[in-house]
Amino acid sequence: ETQIPGALRFLRFSQKVFGDNSVRVVPAYLLLAEAQLGLGRTQQAEEFLSMARWNVQQNPDCGNELRATL
């Protein structure tokens, strides 16, 4: 549970610096999803993965490495 506050700060910082729709915020969403899965919170993890997927879909120039990680 201690990872989640840090991951949320990472997400907020990334959104502030790069914008809400940037693919540069996807790693923060993935980190949050992973932390939620580690705690057995699959629904919350799915929500973060869904947000990450939406950002990737909105950016056709997104690299294959990030798509594969997602």
N, C-alpha and C. Protein backbone atom coordinates (compact mmCIF):
# COMPACT_ATOMS: atom_id res chain seq x y z
N GLU A 1 0.81 -1.21 0.00
CA GLU A 1 0.00 0.00 0.00
C GLU A 1 0.85 1.26 0.00
N THR A 2 2.08 1.15 0.42
CA THR A 2 2.92 2.35 0.48
C THR A 2 3.32 2.85 -0.90
N GLN A 3 3.20 2.02 -1.93
CA GLN A 3 3.56 2.44 -3.28
C GLN A 3 2.52 3.36 -3.90
N ILE A 4 1.29 3.21 -3.49
CA ILE A 4 0.19 3.93 -4.16
C ILE A 4 0.29 5.44 -4.01
N PRO A 5 0.56 6.00 -2.83
CA PRO A 5 0.69 7.46 -2.76
C PRO A 5 1.80 8.00 -3.66
N GLY A 6 2.92 7.31 -3.72
CA GLY A 6 4.01 7.75 -4.59
C GLY A 6 3.64 7.65 -6.06
N ALA A 7 2.96 6.57 -6.42
CA ALA A 7 2.53 6.39 -7.80
C ALA A 7 1.49 7.44 -8.19
N LEU A 8 0.61 7.81 -7.26
CA LEU A 8 -0.37 8.87 -7.54
C LEU A 8 0.32 10.21 -7.73
N ARG A 9 1.35 10.48 -6.93
CA ARG A 9 2.12 11.72 -7.12
C ARG A 9 2.81 11.73 -8.48
N PHE A 10 3.35 10.57 -8.86
CA PHE A 10 3.98 10.43 -10.17
C PHE A 10 2.97 10.72 -11.27
N LEU A 11 1.75 10.19 -11.14
CA LEU A 11 0.71 10.43 -12.13
C LEU A 11 0.35 11.91 -12.20
N ARG A 12 0.10 12.53 -11.07
CA ARG A 12 -0.28 13.95 -11.05
C ARG A 12 0.83 14.82 -11.64
N PHE A 13 2.07 14.53 -11.27
CA PHE A 13 3.19 15.29 -11.80
C PHE A 13 3.29 15.12 -13.32
N SER A 14 3.16 13.88 -13.79
CA SER A 14 3.23 13.61 -15.23
C SER A 14 2.11 14.33 -15.98
N GLN A 15 0.91 14.32 -15.41
CA GLN A 15 -0.22 15.01 -16.04
C GLN A 15 0.02 16.51 -16.10
N LYS A 16 0.58 17.04 -15.04
CA LYS A 16 0.84 18.48 -14.99
C LYS A 16 1.91 18.89 -15.99
N VAL A 17 2.94 18.08 -16.10
CA VAL A 17 4.06 18.41 -16.99
C VAL A 17 3.73 18.11 -18.45
N PHE A 18 3.14 16.96 -18.73
CA PHE A 18 2.94 16.51 -20.11
C PHE A 18 1.51 16.66 -20.62
N GLY A 19 0.54 16.83 -19.73
CA GLY A 19 -0.86 16.92 -20.11
C GLY A 19 -1.57 15.60 -19.87
N ASP A 20 -2.85 15.68 -19.62
CA ASP A 20 -3.65 14.50 -19.29
C ASP A 20 -3.67 13.45 -20.40
N ASN A 21 -3.59 13.87 -21.64
CA ASN A 21 -3.75 12.95 -22.76
C ASN A 21 -2.43 12.46 -23.35
N SER A 22 -1.34 12.81 -22.74
CA SER A 22 -0.03 12.42 -23.26
C SER A 22 0.27 10.95 -22.97
N VAL A 23 0.97 10.31 -23.90
CA VAL A 23 1.40 8.94 -23.64
C VAL A 23 2.47 8.91 -22.56
N ARG A 24 3.03 10.05 -22.21
CA ARG A 24 4.06 10.10 -21.17
C ARG A 24 3.48 9.86 -19.79
N VAL A 25 2.15 9.85 -19.65
CA VAL A 25 1.53 9.53 -18.36
C VAL A 25 1.20 8.04 -18.24
N VAL A 26 1.31 7.31 -19.34
CA VAL A 26 0.98 5.88 -19.34
C VAL A 26 1.83 5.09 -18.34
N PRO A 27 3.14 5.33 -18.24
CA PRO A 27 3.91 4.57 -17.23
C PRO A 27 3.38 4.75 -15.81
N ALA A 28 2.85 5.92 -15.49
CA ALA A 28 2.28 6.13 -14.16
C ALA A 28 1.02 5.29 -13.98
N TYR A 29 0.18 5.26 -15.02
CA TYR A 29 -1.02 4.42 -14.95
C TYR A 29 -0.64 2.94 -14.78
N LEU A 30 0.39 2.51 -15.51
CA LEU A 30 0.82 1.12 -15.40
C LEU A 30 1.36 0.80 -14.02
N LEU A 31 2.10 1.73 -13.44
CA LEU A 31 2.62 1.54 -12.09
C LEU A 31 1.48 1.42 -11.08
N LEU A 32 0.48 2.28 -11.23
CA LEU A 32 -0.67 2.22 -10.34
C LEU A 32 -1.45 0.91 -10.51
N ALA A 33 -1.60 0.47 -11.74
CA ALA A 33 -2.29 -0.79 -11.99
C ALA A 33 -1.54 -1.95 -11.36
N GLU A 34 -0.23 -1.95 -11.50
CA GLU A 34 0.58 -3.01 -10.91
C GLU A 34 0.48 -3.02 -9.38
N ALA A 35 0.51 -1.83 -8.79
CA ALA A 35 0.39 -1.74 -7.33
C ALA A 35 -0.97 -2.24 -6.87
N GLN A 36 -2.02 -1.89 -7.60
CA GLN A 36 -3.36 -2.34 -7.23
C GLN A 36 -3.48 -3.86 -7.37
N LEU A 37 -2.89 -4.42 -8.41
CA LEU A 37 -2.92 -5.87 -8.58
C LEU A 37 -2.20 -6.56 -7.43
N GLY A 38 -1.09 -5.98 -7.00
CA GLY A 38 -0.34 -6.54 -5.89
C GLY A 38 -1.15 -6.58 -4.60
N LEU A 39 -2.10 -5.68 -4.49
CA LEU A 39 -2.97 -5.64 -3.32
C LEU A 39 -4.27 -6.42 -3.53
N GLY A 40 -4.38 -7.05 -4.69
CA GLY A 40 -5.58 -7.84 -4.99
C GLY A 40 -6.77 -7.00 -5.39
N ARG A 41 -6.55 -5.77 -5.77
CA ARG A 41 -7.63 -4.86 -6.16
C ARG A 41 -7.75 -4.84 -7.68
N THR A 42 -8.35 -5.88 -8.22
CA THR A 42 -8.38 -6.02 -9.67
C THR A 42 -9.24 -4.96 -10.36
N GLN A 43 -10.34 -4.56 -9.75
CA GLN A 43 -11.20 -3.56 -10.39
C GLN A 43 -10.46 -2.23 -10.52
N GLN A 44 -9.75 -1.79 -9.48
CA GLN A 44 -8.99 -0.55 -9.56
C GLN A 44 -7.87 -0.67 -10.59
N ALA A 45 -7.23 -1.84 -10.64
CA ALA A 45 -6.16 -2.07 -11.62
C ALA A 45 -6.72 -1.96 -13.04
N GLU A 46 -7.89 -2.53 -13.26
CA GLU A 46 -8.53 -2.46 -14.58
C GLU A 46 -8.84 -1.02 -14.96
N GLU A 47 -9.24 -0.21 -14.00
CA GLU A 47 -9.54 1.20 -14.29
C GLU A 47 -8.28 1.94 -14.74
N PHE A 48 -7.16 1.71 -14.07
CA PHE A 48 -5.92 2.36 -14.47
C PHE A 48 -5.44 1.85 -15.83
N LEU A 49 -5.59 0.56 -16.08
CA LEU A 49 -5.22 0.01 -17.38
C LEU A 49 -6.11 0.58 -18.48
N SER A 50 -7.37 0.78 -18.18
CA SER A 50 -8.29 1.37 -19.15
C SER A 50 -7.89 2.80 -19.49
N MET A 51 -7.49 3.57 -18.50
CA MET A 51 -7.03 4.94 -18.74
C MET A 51 -5.75 4.95 -19.57
N ALA A 52 -4.86 4.03 -19.27
CA ALA A 52 -3.61 3.92 -20.03
C ALA A 52 -3.92 3.56 -21.48
N ARG A 53 -4.80 2.59 -21.68
CA ARG A 53 -5.17 2.17 -23.03
C ARG A 53 -5.80 3.32 -23.81
N TRP A 54 -6.64 4.10 -23.16
CA TRP A 54 -7.28 5.23 -23.82
C TRP A 54 -6.22 6.23 -24.30
N ASN A 55 -5.25 6.54 -23.43
CA ASN A 55 -4.19 7.47 -23.82
C ASN A 55 -3.41 6.93 -25.02
N VAL A 56 -3.11 5.65 -25.02
CA VAL A 56 -2.37 5.05 -26.13
C VAL A 56 -3.19 5.13 -27.41
N GLN A 57 -4.47 4.85 -27.32
CA GLN A 57 -5.33 4.88 -28.51
C GLN A 57 -5.48 6.30 -29.06
N GLN A 58 -5.40 7.30 -28.21
CA GLN A 58 -5.54 8.69 -28.65
C GLN A 58 -4.27 9.22 -29.30
N ASN A 59 -3.18 8.47 -29.19
CA ASN A 59 -1.90 8.93 -29.72
C ASN A 59 -1.36 7.89 -30.70
N PRO A 60 -1.71 8.04 -31.99
CA PRO A 60 -1.29 7.05 -32.98
C PRO A 60 0.22 6.95 -33.14
N ASP A 61 0.95 7.97 -32.72
CA ASP A 61 2.41 7.94 -32.83
C ASP A 61 3.07 7.24 -31.64
N CYS A 62 2.28 6.64 -30.78
CA CYS A 62 2.79 5.93 -29.63
C CYS A 62 3.67 4.77 -30.09
N GLY A 63 4.80 4.61 -29.43
CA GLY A 63 5.74 3.57 -29.82
C GLY A 63 5.26 2.16 -29.52
N ASN A 64 5.81 1.22 -30.27
CA ASN A 64 5.43 -0.18 -30.11
C ASN A 64 5.83 -0.74 -28.75
N GLU A 65 6.93 -0.24 -28.20
CA GLU A 65 7.38 -0.74 -26.89
C GLU A 65 6.33 -0.45 -25.81
N LEU A 66 5.81 0.77 -25.82
CA LEU A 66 4.79 1.11 -24.83
C LEU A 66 3.51 0.33 -25.08
N ARG A 67 3.15 0.15 -26.34
CA ARG A 67 1.96 -0.64 -26.67
C ARG A 67 2.12 -2.07 -26.17
N ALA A 68 3.31 -2.64 -26.35
CA ALA A 68 3.56 -4.01 -25.91
C ALA A 68 3.53 -4.12 -24.39
N THR A 69 4.03 -3.12 -23.72
CA THR A 69 4.02 -3.12 -22.25
C THR A 69 2.59 -3.07 -21.75
N LEU A 70 1.77 -2.27 -22.41
CA LEU A 70 0.36 -2.15 -22.01
C LEU A 70 -0.33 -3.48 -22.22
